[in-house]
N, C-alpha and C. Protein backbone atom coordinates (compact mmCIF):
# COMPACT_ATOMS: atom_id res chain seq x y z
N MET A 1 176.87 199.19 38.16
CA MET A 1 175.53 199.77 37.77
C MET A 1 175.01 200.84 38.68
N GLU A 2 175.39 200.72 39.88
CA GLU A 2 174.85 201.71 40.89
C GLU A 2 175.70 202.97 40.57
N ARG A 3 176.96 203.01 40.20
CA ARG A 3 177.77 204.17 39.82
C ARG A 3 177.15 204.95 38.57
N ALA A 4 176.51 204.40 37.62
CA ALA A 4 176.04 204.72 36.51
C ALA A 4 174.75 205.58 36.92
N GLN A 5 174.01 205.04 37.89
CA GLN A 5 172.81 205.65 38.58
C GLN A 5 173.19 206.87 39.05
N LEU A 6 174.28 207.04 39.88
CA LEU A 6 174.72 208.32 40.62
C LEU A 6 175.23 209.14 39.62
N SER A 7 175.91 208.96 38.58
CA SER A 7 176.11 209.79 37.46
C SER A 7 175.27 210.35 36.80
N LEU A 8 174.10 209.47 36.48
CA LEU A 8 173.02 210.21 35.93
C LEU A 8 172.10 211.12 36.86
N GLY A 9 172.06 210.78 38.01
CA GLY A 9 171.43 211.49 39.11
C GLY A 9 172.06 213.00 39.15
N GLY A 10 173.59 212.88 39.04
CA GLY A 10 174.36 214.03 39.21
C GLY A 10 174.15 214.81 38.00
N LEU A 11 174.16 214.13 36.79
CA LEU A 11 173.77 214.80 35.63
C LEU A 11 172.68 215.75 35.56
N LEU A 12 171.35 215.11 36.09
CA LEU A 12 170.18 215.76 36.21
C LEU A 12 170.27 216.82 37.00
N LEU A 13 170.83 216.71 38.04
CA LEU A 13 170.98 217.80 39.10
C LEU A 13 171.90 219.01 38.48
N LEU A 14 172.90 218.66 37.65
CA LEU A 14 173.70 219.84 37.03
C LEU A 14 172.80 220.42 36.13
N LEU A 15 172.12 219.74 35.34
CA LEU A 15 171.18 220.42 34.25
C LEU A 15 170.18 221.41 34.97
N PHE A 16 169.58 220.80 36.00
CA PHE A 16 168.59 221.58 36.80
C PHE A 16 169.28 222.77 37.23
N ILE A 17 170.40 222.88 37.72
CA ILE A 17 171.14 223.91 38.24
C ILE A 17 171.32 225.01 37.22
N ILE A 18 171.70 224.34 36.21
CA ILE A 18 172.27 225.41 35.11
C ILE A 18 170.92 226.03 34.48
N THR A 19 169.78 225.25 34.40
CA THR A 19 168.54 225.90 34.02
C THR A 19 167.96 227.00 34.87
N ILE A 20 168.18 226.82 36.31
CA ILE A 20 167.81 227.81 37.25
C ILE A 20 168.67 228.91 36.98
N VAL A 21 170.04 228.93 36.80
CA VAL A 21 170.90 229.92 36.70
C VAL A 21 170.45 230.64 35.41
N VAL A 22 170.23 230.07 34.20
CA VAL A 22 170.00 230.56 33.11
C VAL A 22 168.44 231.47 33.32
N VAL A 23 167.77 231.02 33.91
CA VAL A 23 166.39 231.60 34.16
C VAL A 23 166.59 232.98 34.99
N LEU A 24 167.30 232.65 36.04
CA LEU A 24 167.76 233.99 36.72
C LEU A 24 168.45 235.17 36.14
N LEU A 25 169.23 234.67 35.09
CA LEU A 25 170.02 235.60 34.28
C LEU A 25 169.30 236.23 33.30
N VAL A 26 168.14 235.56 32.84
CA VAL A 26 167.25 236.19 31.91
C VAL A 26 166.40 237.17 32.48
N VAL A 27 166.06 237.11 33.70
CA VAL A 27 165.01 237.93 34.23
C VAL A 27 165.28 239.47 34.32
N PRO A 28 166.61 239.59 34.78
CA PRO A 28 167.12 240.83 34.66
C PRO A 28 167.34 241.62 33.40
N VAL A 29 167.59 240.88 32.46
CA VAL A 29 167.56 241.27 30.87
C VAL A 29 166.02 241.71 30.49
N LYS A 30 165.07 241.00 30.91
CA LYS A 30 163.83 241.30 30.34
C LYS A 30 163.31 242.57 31.12
N MET A 31 163.56 242.70 32.58
CA MET A 31 163.31 243.97 33.24
C MET A 31 163.92 244.97 32.57
N ALA A 32 165.33 244.93 32.19
CA ALA A 32 165.94 245.94 31.72
C ALA A 32 165.44 246.52 30.40
N ASN A 33 165.03 245.53 29.55
CA ASN A 33 164.47 245.77 28.27
C ASN A 33 163.18 246.56 28.38
N ARG A 34 162.11 246.20 29.50
CA ARG A 34 161.00 246.93 29.76
C ARG A 34 161.11 248.29 30.22
N ARG A 35 162.22 248.54 30.82
CA ARG A 35 162.42 249.85 31.40
C ARG A 35 163.47 250.81 30.72
N GLY A 36 163.81 250.13 29.43
CA GLY A 36 164.62 251.12 28.44
C GLY A 36 165.99 251.25 28.88
N ARG A 37 166.41 250.22 29.50
CA ARG A 37 167.87 250.16 30.06
C ARG A 37 168.62 249.01 29.08
N SER A 38 169.92 249.14 29.22
CA SER A 38 170.81 248.19 28.50
C SER A 38 170.60 246.89 28.91
N ALA A 39 170.22 246.01 27.94
CA ALA A 39 170.03 244.54 28.40
C ALA A 39 171.44 243.82 28.50
N ILE A 40 172.32 244.11 27.77
CA ILE A 40 173.71 243.55 27.98
C ILE A 40 174.48 244.02 29.15
N GLY A 41 174.36 245.33 29.47
CA GLY A 41 175.12 245.78 30.65
C GLY A 41 174.39 245.13 31.80
N TRP A 42 172.94 244.91 32.02
CA TRP A 42 172.55 244.42 33.15
C TRP A 42 172.55 242.93 33.14
N PHE A 43 172.76 242.27 31.97
CA PHE A 43 173.12 240.80 31.76
C PHE A 43 174.65 240.56 32.56
N LEU A 44 175.52 241.61 31.93
CA LEU A 44 177.01 241.43 32.55
C LEU A 44 176.73 241.68 34.17
N PHE A 45 176.04 242.70 34.60
CA PHE A 45 176.10 243.03 35.98
C PHE A 45 175.47 241.94 36.78
N SER A 46 174.61 241.16 36.22
CA SER A 46 173.93 240.10 37.02
C SER A 46 174.88 238.81 37.01
N LEU A 47 175.66 238.74 35.94
CA LEU A 47 176.47 237.68 35.83
C LEU A 47 177.85 237.80 36.88
N ILE A 48 178.07 239.16 37.06
CA ILE A 48 179.31 239.25 37.56
C ILE A 48 178.93 239.37 39.28
N PHE A 49 177.89 240.16 39.45
CA PHE A 49 177.32 240.22 40.88
C PHE A 49 176.32 239.17 41.41
N SER A 50 175.10 239.37 40.92
CA SER A 50 173.97 238.63 41.46
C SER A 50 172.80 239.20 40.56
N PRO A 51 172.01 238.10 40.17
CA PRO A 51 170.82 238.53 39.33
C PRO A 51 169.68 239.07 40.43
N PHE A 52 169.98 238.51 41.65
CA PHE A 52 168.67 239.22 42.63
C PHE A 52 169.07 240.67 42.80
N LEU A 53 170.56 241.14 42.90
CA LEU A 53 170.98 242.53 43.03
C LEU A 53 170.51 243.38 41.96
N ALA A 54 170.76 242.68 40.73
CA ALA A 54 170.41 243.39 39.36
C ALA A 54 168.87 243.81 39.51
N MET A 55 168.04 242.72 39.79
CA MET A 55 166.69 243.00 39.70
C MET A 55 166.36 243.85 40.77
N LEU A 56 166.87 243.98 41.93
CA LEU A 56 166.47 244.88 42.98
C LEU A 56 167.03 246.35 42.31
N PHE A 57 168.05 246.54 41.82
CA PHE A 57 168.56 247.86 41.30
C PHE A 57 167.53 248.22 40.31
N LEU A 58 167.23 247.34 39.28
CA LEU A 58 166.37 247.80 38.37
C LEU A 58 165.01 248.11 38.91
N LEU A 59 164.50 247.61 39.89
CA LEU A 59 163.10 247.89 40.49
C LEU A 59 163.51 249.17 41.10
N LEU A 60 164.39 249.58 41.72
CA LEU A 60 164.68 250.89 42.30
C LEU A 60 164.92 251.93 41.36
N LEU A 61 165.48 251.69 40.07
CA LEU A 61 165.90 252.53 39.23
C LEU A 61 164.67 253.09 38.48
N GLY A 62 163.75 252.18 38.23
CA GLY A 62 162.58 252.26 37.36
C GLY A 62 162.91 252.56 35.68
N GLU A 63 161.87 253.02 35.15
CA GLU A 63 162.27 253.46 33.66
C GLU A 63 163.09 254.73 33.52
N THR A 64 163.70 254.58 32.17
CA THR A 64 164.54 255.84 31.82
C THR A 64 163.37 256.99 31.22
N ASN A 65 163.80 258.14 31.36
CA ASN A 65 162.77 259.24 30.81
C ASN A 65 162.39 259.16 29.48
N ALA A 66 163.31 258.56 28.61
CA ALA A 66 162.81 258.33 27.34
C ALA A 66 161.67 256.95 27.36
N LYS A 67 161.93 256.02 27.89
CA LYS A 67 160.93 255.12 27.89
C LYS A 67 159.88 255.47 28.54
N ARG A 68 159.68 256.20 29.61
CA ARG A 68 158.53 256.72 30.16
C ARG A 68 157.82 257.78 29.24
N HIS A 69 158.28 258.55 28.49
CA HIS A 69 157.92 259.38 27.47
C HIS A 69 157.14 258.45 26.43
N GLU A 70 157.90 257.60 25.84
CA GLU A 70 157.27 256.57 24.79
C GLU A 70 156.02 255.91 25.35
N ARG A 71 156.07 255.39 26.69
CA ARG A 71 154.94 254.81 27.19
C ARG A 71 153.70 255.80 27.32
N ILE A 72 154.05 257.00 27.67
CA ILE A 72 152.96 258.04 27.91
C ILE A 72 152.35 258.17 26.53
N ILE A 73 153.12 258.32 25.42
CA ILE A 73 152.45 258.43 24.25
C ILE A 73 151.63 257.42 23.66
N GLU A 74 152.31 256.13 23.88
CA GLU A 74 151.51 254.91 23.45
C GLU A 74 150.01 254.87 24.20
N GLU A 75 150.04 255.27 25.49
CA GLU A 75 148.79 255.21 26.26
C GLU A 75 147.91 256.38 25.59
N GLU A 76 148.35 257.41 25.48
CA GLU A 76 147.43 258.41 24.73
C GLU A 76 146.91 258.03 23.52
N GLU A 77 147.80 257.45 22.61
CA GLU A 77 147.27 256.90 21.37
C GLU A 77 146.30 255.91 21.46
N LEU A 78 146.38 255.10 22.40
CA LEU A 78 145.32 254.05 22.99
C LEU A 78 144.01 254.67 23.30
N ARG A 79 144.13 255.69 24.05
CA ARG A 79 142.79 256.37 24.57
C ARG A 79 142.25 256.87 23.48
N ASN A 80 142.95 257.65 22.67
CA ASN A 80 142.15 258.23 21.55
C ASN A 80 141.81 257.30 20.55
N ARG A 81 142.21 256.17 20.41
CA ARG A 81 141.71 255.23 19.48
C ARG A 81 140.46 254.68 19.87
N TYR A 82 140.42 254.39 21.30
CA TYR A 82 139.14 253.87 21.75
C TYR A 82 138.24 254.71 22.41
N ARG A 83 138.47 256.04 22.36
CA ARG A 83 137.62 257.01 22.74
C ARG A 83 136.22 257.03 22.04
N VAL A 84 135.24 257.18 22.95
CA VAL A 84 133.80 257.09 22.25
C VAL A 84 133.53 258.63 22.15
N ASN A 85 133.10 259.15 21.03
CA ASN A 85 132.71 260.57 20.84
C ASN A 85 131.29 260.78 21.13
């Protein structure tokens, strides 16, 4: 009976660790999408090297020029929509 409890505890620990790893791999993917970068490429980078290293690089790289241009246009449209004449 005690052995079954240990294996259940081990299984729960394994599921917890897998959940943490999946969350850590999803964060760089979301960051890459928001910055206009390749989600698959950054997923592979974080899988091979480290999710923390991928997040750091994404923070340092920032947005792509195309994504920055798209964001500026969206902000300008919002300003024009809510501007009081």
